[in-house]
Amino acid sequence: MKVSASHVLTISGYTHSKSAVAPSEHIGSSFTAAGHRWFVLYYPRGHGHGLEDDADYISLFLSCTDTDVVKARLSLCLLDKDGKVAYTCKCRSYIPNPPMSSLHGASRFITRKDLENSGHVLDDRFRIGIDMTVFKVVRKEHAGAAVAKLVDVPPSDISQHLGDLLSSGEGADVMFEVDGESFGAHRAILAARSPVFKAELFSPMEEGTATCVWVEDMEPRVFKALLHFVYNDVLPEIDEAEAMVMAQHLLVAADRYCLERMKLICEEKLCSYIDTGSVGTMLALADQHGCLGLQKACLNFLMSGGNMMAAVVAGGLERVMSNCPSVKELLLKSCSRS
């Protein structure tokens, strides 16, 4: 049995990713296509685990852990600004190394030089078109049902319904006051998603029965985005001009309310914004909120080329080292190993 599908993958923060992510390390993402959840592994500086030398290339792989997928034939292409195919890469359908046996893709998708000279990296982002044909195994006990299938079950739309509930405010039983702005919400939904909200809204203390809760030390737009995630399980669209700052605020908010998935999403986004001007702030943020992935990305960036000296000249790194002894100790250890 085979199923075909297409997906457009947008990779943002290209300049930052190629300097912040070490060779053989990847940035991950996911999407749903052909009825399966696919995980994208983007290696800005090459895959580095195969027999080919791909250090000058971008590597792209897809992984699907569903047991009924036995093979996937992929086509990866670079898209222009109009969504038309500008470059196509022939993909291997199977990577022979045992640790990578579930991956499909290309260790040599395109060289970074060719990508940068192509004119298709716009606003520091580029788009990849993914066409796939998935071959599945139909188990004997289900073979008859698969052939005679007459009912097409749509994907879950619970997040859409919950998002509509938040937007309409229907049935809201608690109000949050955030720096002069009010937000209605539903106690049960908040409590189900966050142990902190659960403790605040269902405690026997006075705040647990209050119909209005004041939120301090947070901007209204940040709290609004946090509520959007609680109900929709995705972050709202954020303007690229303020994406880095918002990701920082949202990571702090996610840590405050123990929203671990939201915290990891923000941490992953921030890894793509590391540069000589921001690395100090990112290191301090990682230290304060226990973000080991962001911390490692910062250290990889600083240990690459002359980035350490450039970051010191920029000023932010030295200030963070003065204010955060643990960051200073971490940097000294990293320098001694290099």
Protein backbone atom coordinates (compact mmCIF):
# COMPACT_ATOMS: atom_id res chain seq x y z
CA MET A 1 0.00 0.00 0.00
CA LYS A 2 1.42 3.41 -0.91
CA VAL A 3 0.43 6.99 -0.04
CA SER A 4 1.79 10.20 -1.61
CA ALA A 5 2.00 13.63 0.02
CA SER A 6 3.82 16.97 -0.16
CA HIS A 7 5.06 19.45 2.42
CA VAL A 8 6.87 22.81 2.34
CA LEU A 9 9.55 23.22 5.02
CA THR A 10 10.73 26.75 5.89
CA ILE A 11 14.18 27.03 7.49
CA SER A 12 14.68 30.38 9.24
CA GLY A 13 17.79 31.90 10.79
CA TYR A 14 20.14 30.34 8.23
CA THR A 15 23.13 32.60 9.00
CA HIS A 16 22.93 31.92 12.72
CA SER A 17 22.38 28.19 12.35
CA LYS A 18 25.46 27.59 10.21
CA SER A 19 27.70 29.23 12.82
CA ALA A 20 25.91 28.17 16.01
CA VAL A 21 25.38 24.49 15.19
CA ALA A 22 28.49 22.32 15.21
CA PRO A 23 29.35 19.86 12.39
CA SER A 24 27.36 16.61 12.64
CA GLU A 25 24.77 18.29 14.89
CA HIS A 26 21.25 19.06 13.77
CA ILE A 27 18.20 21.22 14.39
CA GLY A 28 14.95 19.28 14.64
CA SER A 29 11.37 19.96 13.63
CA SER A 30 8.29 17.90 12.80
CA PHE A 31 5.22 17.84 10.56
CA THR A 32 2.40 15.49 9.60
CA ALA A 33 2.05 14.09 6.07
CA ALA A 34 0.73 10.91 4.47
CA GLY A 35 -0.96 10.09 7.75
CA HIS A 36 2.29 9.93 9.71
CA ARG A 37 4.35 12.18 11.98
CA TRP A 38 7.71 13.00 10.39
CA PHE A 39 10.75 14.40 12.14
CA VAL A 40 13.08 16.66 10.14
CA LEU A 41 16.80 16.68 10.93
CA TYR A 42 18.54 19.72 9.42
CA TYR A 43 22.36 19.64 9.53
CA PRO A 44 23.60 23.16 8.59
CA ARG A 45 27.23 21.94 8.47
CA GLY A 46 26.86 18.43 7.18
CA HIS A 47 25.71 15.07 8.48
CA GLY A 48 29.22 13.74 9.01
CA HIS A 49 28.28 10.14 9.85
CA GLY A 50 28.46 8.58 6.38
CA LEU A 51 31.30 7.64 4.08
CA GLU A 52 31.08 10.86 2.03
CA ASP A 53 32.73 14.11 3.00
CA ASP A 54 29.75 16.45 3.39
CA ALA A 55 31.23 19.20 5.59
CA ASP A 56 30.55 21.83 2.91
CA TYR A 57 26.98 20.67 2.42
CA ILE A 58 23.62 21.07 4.07
CA SER A 59 22.23 17.66 5.01
CA LEU A 60 18.51 16.96 5.35
CA PHE A 61 16.89 13.80 6.67
CA LEU A 62 13.40 12.67 7.60
CA SER A 63 12.57 10.04 10.16
CA CYS A 64 9.31 8.21 10.85
CA THR A 65 9.08 5.75 13.72
CA ASP A 66 5.72 4.26 12.69
CA THR A 67 6.18 0.52 12.27
CA ASP A 68 3.90 0.22 9.23
CA VAL A 69 6.18 2.42 7.08
CA VAL A 70 8.63 0.07 5.37
CA LYS A 71 10.06 2.44 2.77
CA ALA A 72 9.77 6.07 1.72
CA ARG A 73 10.77 7.51 -1.65
CA LEU A 74 11.59 11.20 -1.26
CA SER A 75 12.29 14.16 -3.47
CA LEU A 76 13.80 17.27 -1.87
CA CYS A 77 13.91 20.51 -3.81
CA LEU A 78 14.89 24.11 -3.17
CA LEU A 79 11.99 26.49 -3.87
CA ASP A 80 12.17 30.05 -5.17
CA LYS A 81 10.17 32.96 -3.75
CA ASP A 82 7.14 31.96 -5.85
CA GLY A 83 7.20 28.37 -4.60
CA LYS A 84 8.57 26.98 -7.88
CA VAL A 85 11.30 24.33 -7.99
CA ALA A 86 14.76 25.90 -8.35
CA TYR A 87 16.91 22.87 -7.59
CA THR A 88 16.17 19.18 -7.02
CA CYS A 89 18.26 16.66 -5.10
CA LYS A 90 18.21 12.92 -5.66
CA CYS A 91 17.69 11.25 -2.28
CA ARG A 92 18.81 7.99 -0.89
CA SER A 93 15.89 6.05 0.50
CA TYR A 94 17.95 4.25 3.11
CA ILE A 95 21.00 5.09 5.24
CA PRO A 96 22.94 1.88 5.98
CA ASN A 97 24.53 2.87 9.31
CA PRO A 98 22.59 1.05 12.08
CA PRO A 99 22.06 4.20 14.21
CA MET A 100 20.61 6.01 11.20
CA SER A 101 18.60 3.17 9.67
CA SER A 102 15.27 4.95 10.08
CA LEU A 103 16.41 8.08 8.23
CA HIS A 104 15.55 9.05 4.67
CA GLY A 105 17.05 12.02 2.86
CA ALA A 106 20.27 13.50 1.48
CA SER A 107 23.63 13.97 3.17
CA ARG A 108 24.59 16.24 0.25
CA PHE A 109 21.46 18.26 -0.35
CA ILE A 110 23.26 21.41 -1.55
CA THR A 111 26.54 23.13 -0.72
CA ARG A 112 26.24 26.17 1.51
CA LYS A 113 28.08 28.19 -1.15
CA ASP A 114 25.62 27.22 -3.89
CA LEU A 115 22.67 27.94 -1.60
CA GLU A 116 23.99 31.38 -0.67
CA ASN A 117 24.69 32.23 -4.32
CA SER A 118 21.31 30.95 -5.52
CA GLY A 119 19.37 34.06 -4.57
CA HIS A 120 16.75 31.93 -2.84
CA VAL A 121 17.78 32.74 0.74
CA LEU A 122 15.42 35.62 1.47
CA ASP A 123 15.23 37.38 4.86
CA ASP A 124 17.72 34.76 6.12
CA ARG A 125 15.35 31.90 5.34
CA PHE A 126 14.81 29.40 2.55
CA ARG A 127 12.14 26.87 1.65
CA ILE A 128 12.39 23.18 0.86
CA GLY A 129 9.72 21.26 -1.02
CA ILE A 130 9.27 17.67 0.13
CA ASP A 131 7.44 15.17 -2.09
CA MET A 132 7.09 11.71 -0.66
CA THR A 133 5.67 8.34 -1.53
CA VAL A 134 5.28 6.17 1.55
CA PHE A 135 5.05 2.40 1.24
CA LYS A 136 3.25 0.72 4.12
CA VAL A 137 2.80 -2.86 5.16
CA VAL A 138 -0.80 -4.01 5.59
CA ARG A 139 -0.97 -6.67 8.28
CA LYS A 140 -2.91 -9.80 7.39
CA GLU A 141 -5.44 -9.36 10.16
CA HIS A 142 -6.26 -5.88 8.83
CA ALA A 143 -5.87 -6.54 5.09
CA GLY A 144 -9.56 -7.07 4.42
CA ALA A 145 -10.54 -3.98 6.35
CA ALA A 146 -7.93 -1.89 4.50
CA VAL A 147 -9.19 -2.97 1.08
CA ALA A 148 -12.81 -2.38 1.97
CA LYS A 149 -12.24 0.89 3.82
CA LEU A 150 -15.12 3.25 3.08
CA VAL A 151 -14.81 5.68 5.98
CA ASP A 152 -12.19 8.42 5.83
CA VAL A 153 -11.39 9.58 9.38
CA PRO A 154 -10.10 13.19 9.46
CA PRO A 155 -7.17 14.20 11.67
CA SER A 156 -7.84 15.48 15.16
CA ASP A 157 -9.12 19.05 15.30
CA ILE A 158 -9.38 19.40 19.07
CA SER A 159 -6.80 22.22 19.12
CA GLN A 160 -8.93 24.21 16.68
CA HIS A 161 -12.00 23.82 18.91
CA LEU A 162 -10.05 24.78 22.03
CA GLY A 163 -8.54 27.75 20.20
CA ASP A 164 -12.02 28.90 19.19
CA LEU A 165 -13.11 28.55 22.81
CA LEU A 166 -10.29 30.86 23.91
CA SER A 167 -11.04 33.39 21.16
CA SER A 168 -14.76 33.53 21.91
CA GLY A 169 -14.37 33.61 25.68
CA GLU A 170 -17.48 31.45 25.98
CA GLY A 171 -17.70 29.75 29.37
CA ALA A 172 -14.63 31.56 30.74
CA ASP A 173 -14.59 31.36 34.53
CA VAL A 174 -11.42 33.26 35.41
CA MET A 175 -9.96 36.60 34.29
CA PHE A 176 -6.28 37.52 34.24
CA GLU A 177 -5.20 41.15 34.59
CA VAL A 178 -1.83 41.75 32.94
CA ASP A 179 -0.52 45.32 33.01
CA GLY A 180 -3.95 46.83 32.33
CA GLU A 181 -5.19 44.21 29.85
CA SER A 182 -7.72 41.48 30.66
CA PHE A 183 -7.76 37.90 29.39
CA GLY A 184 -10.57 35.41 29.96
CA ALA A 185 -9.78 31.71 30.30
CA HIS A 186 -11.05 28.39 31.63
CA ARG A 187 -9.70 27.03 34.92
CA ALA A 188 -9.99 23.36 33.99
CA ILE A 189 -8.06 23.74 30.72
CA LEU A 190 -5.29 25.78 32.34
CA ALA A 191 -5.00 23.29 35.22
CA ALA A 192 -4.83 20.34 32.82
CA ARG A 193 -1.95 21.94 30.92
CA SER A 194 0.12 23.50 33.71
CA PRO A 195 0.77 22.31 37.28
CA VAL A 196 1.43 25.92 38.26
CA PHE A 197 -1.98 27.07 37.00
CA LYS A 198 -3.51 24.05 38.74
CA ALA A 199 -1.96 25.05 42.06
CA GLU A 200 -3.00 28.68 41.63
CA LEU A 201 -6.56 28.11 40.45
CA PHE A 202 -7.60 25.10 42.53
CA SER A 203 -5.84 25.71 45.82
CA PRO A 204 -7.91 26.09 49.01
CA MET A 205 -6.27 29.45 49.58
CA GLU A 206 -7.92 32.72 48.62
CA GLU A 207 -6.28 32.94 45.17
CA GLY A 208 -7.67 29.51 44.30
CA THR A 209 -11.24 30.80 44.44
CA ALA A 210 -10.64 34.26 42.98
CA THR A 211 -12.37 35.11 39.71
CA CYS A 212 -9.65 37.63 38.81
CA VAL A 213 -5.93 36.89 38.96
CA TRP A 214 -3.24 39.55 38.63
CA VAL A 215 -0.13 38.52 36.70
CA GLU A 216 3.01 40.52 37.47
CA ASP A 217 6.35 40.82 35.68
CA MET A 218 4.98 39.84 32.27
CA GLU A 219 3.92 41.80 29.19
CA PRO A 220 0.31 41.37 27.98
CA ARG A 221 1.45 40.17 24.53
CA VAL A 222 3.59 37.47 26.15
CA PHE A 223 0.74 36.23 28.35
CA LYS A 224 -1.59 36.26 25.35
CA ALA A 225 0.87 34.11 23.38
CA LEU A 226 1.21 31.77 26.35
CA LEU A 227 -2.58 31.30 26.50
CA HIS A 228 -2.59 30.64 22.75
CA PHE A 229 -0.09 27.83 23.27
CA VAL A 230 -2.02 26.37 26.22
CA TYR A 231 -5.16 26.04 24.09
CA ASN A 232 -3.62 25.29 20.65
CA ASP A 233 -0.34 23.53 21.53
CA VAL A 234 1.47 25.79 19.02
CA LEU A 235 2.86 29.29 19.32
CA PRO A 236 1.07 32.09 17.45
CA GLU A 237 2.60 33.68 14.36
CA ILE A 238 5.18 36.24 15.48
CA ASP A 239 6.64 39.04 13.36
CA GLU A 240 10.21 38.19 12.35
CA ALA A 241 11.45 41.59 13.58
CA GLU A 242 10.62 40.70 17.17
CA ALA A 243 10.87 36.91 16.98
CA MET A 244 14.08 36.61 19.02
CA VAL A 245 12.92 38.90 21.84
CA MET A 246 9.52 37.22 21.99
CA ALA A 247 11.13 33.77 22.08
CA GLN A 248 13.21 34.90 25.07
CA HIS A 249 10.15 36.24 26.92
CA LEU A 250 8.11 33.14 26.08
CA LEU A 251 10.86 30.82 27.30
CA VAL A 252 10.83 32.61 30.66
CA ALA A 253 7.02 32.43 30.77
CA ALA A 254 7.04 28.73 29.86
CA ASP A 255 9.52 28.00 32.64
CA ARG A 256 7.41 30.00 35.09
CA TYR A 257 4.29 27.94 34.34
CA CYS A 258 6.07 24.58 33.78
CA LEU A 259 5.07 24.31 30.11
CA GLU A 260 7.97 22.08 29.11
CA ARG A 261 7.08 21.62 25.43
CA MET A 262 6.65 25.37 24.93
CA LYS A 263 9.98 25.95 26.69
CA LEU A 264 11.77 23.52 24.36
CA ILE A 265 10.18 25.12 21.28
CA CYS A 266 11.46 28.53 22.40
CA GLU A 267 14.89 27.09 23.24
CA GLU A 268 15.16 25.58 19.76
CA LYS A 269 14.16 28.88 18.13
CA LEU A 270 16.73 30.84 20.15
CA CYS A 271 19.54 28.53 18.99
CA SER A 272 19.08 29.99 15.49
CA TYR A 273 19.52 33.58 16.72
CA ILE A 274 22.92 33.20 18.39
CA ASP A 275 25.50 35.73 17.21
CA THR A 276 28.31 37.79 18.75
CA GLY A 277 25.85 40.37 20.04
CA SER A 278 23.31 37.97 21.55
CA VAL A 279 25.42 35.05 22.77
CA GLY A 280 25.98 36.59 26.22
CA THR A 281 22.27 37.10 26.81
CA MET A 282 21.53 33.60 25.51
CA LEU A 283 24.09 32.05 27.87
CA ALA A 284 22.63 33.88 30.86
CA LEU A 285 19.12 32.83 29.85
CA ALA A 286 20.22 29.20 29.46
CA ASP A 287 21.91 29.28 32.86
CA GLN A 288 18.92 30.82 34.66
CA HIS A 289 16.34 28.47 33.16
CA GLY A 290 18.25 25.20 32.77
CA CYS A 291 18.37 25.15 28.95
CA LEU A 292 21.19 22.71 28.23
CA GLY A 293 20.62 22.65 24.46
CA LEU A 294 20.82 26.45 24.19
CA GLN A 295 23.87 26.46 26.44
CA LYS A 296 25.65 23.92 24.23
CA ALA A 297 24.77 25.89 21.07
CA CYS A 298 26.26 29.05 22.63
CA LEU A 299 29.47 27.25 23.59
CA ASN A 300 29.81 25.70 20.13
CA PHE A 301 29.42 29.17 18.62
CA LEU A 302 32.01 30.75 20.93
CA MET A 303 34.56 27.99 20.32
CA SER A 304 34.27 28.43 16.54
CA GLY A 305 36.72 30.70 14.72
CA GLY A 306 37.19 34.12 16.29
CA ASN A 307 33.70 34.31 17.76
CA MET A 308 34.91 34.43 21.37
CA MET A 309 36.99 37.56 20.82
CA ALA A 310 34.26 39.18 18.71
CA ALA A 311 31.70 38.52 21.46
CA VAL A 312 33.98 40.07 24.08
CA VAL A 313 34.46 43.15 21.88
CA ALA A 314 30.68 43.40 21.44
CA GLY A 315 30.43 43.85 25.21
CA GLY A 316 27.56 41.60 26.21
CA LEU A 317 29.64 38.53 27.04
CA GLU A 318 31.93 40.32 29.49
CA ARG A 319 28.93 41.82 31.30
CA VAL A 320 27.27 38.43 31.65
CA MET A 321 30.49 36.88 32.98
CA SER A 322 30.62 39.59 35.66
CA ASN A 323 27.01 39.09 36.71
CA CYS A 324 26.81 35.28 36.37
CA PRO A 325 29.72 33.47 38.05
CA SER A 326 28.43 30.10 36.86
CA VAL A 327 28.58 31.27 33.22
CA LYS A 328 32.12 32.53 33.74
CA GLU A 329 33.15 29.18 35.22
CA LEU A 330 31.54 27.32 32.32
CA LEU A 331 33.37 29.45 29.73
CA LEU A 332 36.72 28.99 31.47
CA LYS A 333 36.25 25.21 31.48
CA SER A 334 35.30 25.21 27.80
CA CYS A 335 38.34 27.32 26.88
CA SER A 336 40.67 25.02 28.81
CA ARG A 337 39.39 22.00 26.84
CA SER A 338 39.77 23.65 23.43
